């Protein structure tokens, strides 16, 4: 069973001015697909705080997958890709490219996503969109392929049984 960390980047969510619907839907999708959520947190749109949490989840909690939601647009407060770039050792551009390509079939605004994906040690980090609808579309599109990638990355092919 792969371990997951979920990070929502939202100033309003952090201040409890808005419900974290995107983080909840990520939780639902990954648990439905046999993953175990180890930690879920809402943070303000602050690059250093996001980076610190990604490093903590990867290095201390040893999660296999970190899924972020929010902070990938054009606003000056949208800094999730920058934090992710600092956290990862190697980029995994195909994941974000696949999400954007699929999303462009739904909305032309998908071209405005700055989301990235990458690997820190043996943790895959993927930036997902901020809207609940876009998270569902994106995560459900990649979830099956992610499993295989995580097996290869972690070397857990023999000990993980897919539900």
Foldseek 3Di string as FASTA:
>chain_A
DFEEEEEEEAPCVQVVVDPQLQQVLVVVVVVVWPYHYPYYYYDYLDLVVLLVVVCCCCPPVVGQEYEYEDLFADDPSSCNQVSQVVNAPFWDAVLLVVLLVQCCVVPVCSVRGNWTWHHHQRHIYTYFYHDNVRSVSSCVVCVVVVVVVSCVSVVCVPPDDID
